[in-house]
Amino acid sequence: MAIVVNLDVMLARRKMRSKELAEIVGITEVNLSLLKSGKVKGVRFSTLDKICAALQCQPGEILEYSPGE
């Protein structure tokens, strides 16, 4: 897939654990893990909005287009 999810990078930069982010966003740790691994077919804008608010970042810092992937 050409979309790369850099959620692990942002979590590390913010020194936040996946469990904490999942609680803030209101999703399960399993769903967050699937999102981090890129194994989801889509993400709701409302979820992306909550993730960006929690990590104080822009969507482009989490999602990246990489044509070689």
Protein backbone atom coordinates (compact mmCIF):
# COMPACT_ATOMS: atom_id res chain seq x y z
CA MET A 1 0.00 0.00 0.00
CA ALA A 2 1.27 3.46 -0.83
CA ILE A 3 0.05 5.03 2.42
CA VAL A 4 2.46 4.69 5.35
CA VAL A 5 1.22 5.23 8.91
CA ASN A 6 3.84 6.94 11.10
CA LEU A 7 1.84 6.73 14.31
CA ASP A 8 4.64 4.96 16.20
CA VAL A 9 7.00 7.83 15.37
CA MET A 10 4.58 10.43 16.71
CA LEU A 11 3.91 8.39 19.85
CA ALA A 12 7.65 8.18 20.50
CA ARG A 13 8.13 11.92 19.91
CA ARG A 14 5.35 12.71 22.38
CA LYS A 15 6.54 10.04 24.84
CA MET A 16 3.05 8.55 24.87
CA ARG A 17 2.05 4.91 25.04
CA SER A 18 -0.46 3.31 22.69
CA LYS A 19 -2.72 2.45 25.62
CA GLU A 20 -2.90 6.09 26.68
CA LEU A 21 -3.67 7.29 23.15
CA ALA A 22 -6.36 4.63 22.72
CA GLU A 23 -8.06 5.80 25.92
CA ILE A 24 -7.93 9.47 24.89
CA VAL A 25 -9.24 8.75 21.38
CA GLY A 26 -11.89 6.28 22.55
CA ILE A 27 -10.84 3.27 20.49
CA THR A 28 -9.57 -0.13 21.54
CA GLU A 29 -5.86 -0.88 21.74
CA VAL A 30 -6.42 -3.60 19.12
CA ASN A 31 -7.89 -1.10 16.65
CA LEU A 32 -5.07 1.34 17.34
CA SER A 33 -2.55 -1.44 16.76
CA LEU A 34 -4.21 -2.30 13.44
CA LEU A 35 -4.05 1.36 12.45
CA LYS A 36 -0.36 1.61 13.40
CA SER A 37 0.47 -1.46 11.33
CA GLY A 38 -1.42 -0.13 8.30
CA LYS A 39 -3.78 -3.11 8.25
CA VAL A 40 -6.94 -1.01 8.12
CA LYS A 41 -8.75 -0.01 4.96
CA GLY A 42 -9.79 3.38 6.27
CA VAL A 43 -9.90 5.73 9.22
CA ARG A 44 -12.72 8.05 10.20
CA PHE A 45 -11.94 11.74 10.10
CA SER A 46 -13.32 12.04 13.64
CA THR A 47 -10.78 9.45 14.82
CA LEU A 48 -7.96 11.16 12.94
CA ASP A 49 -9.05 14.47 14.47
CA LYS A 50 -8.86 13.04 18.00
CA ILE A 51 -5.47 11.45 17.33
CA CYS A 52 -4.08 14.73 16.00
CA ALA A 53 -5.49 16.65 18.98
CA ALA A 54 -4.00 14.18 21.46
CA LEU A 55 -0.58 14.17 19.77
CA GLN A 56 -0.69 17.88 18.87
CA CYS A 57 0.22 17.18 15.26
CA GLN A 58 -1.05 17.48 11.70
CA PRO A 59 -2.54 14.55 9.74
CA GLY A 60 0.44 14.71 7.37
CA GLU A 61 2.75 13.87 10.25
CA ILE A 62 0.88 10.60 10.75
CA LEU A 63 -0.02 9.62 7.20
CA GLU A 64 2.51 9.65 4.38
CA TYR A 65 2.21 8.79 0.70
CA SER A 66 5.07 6.61 -0.51
CA PRO A 67 4.60 5.38 -4.09
CA GLY A 68 7.30 2.73 -3.73
CA GLU A 69 5.48 0.87 -0.96
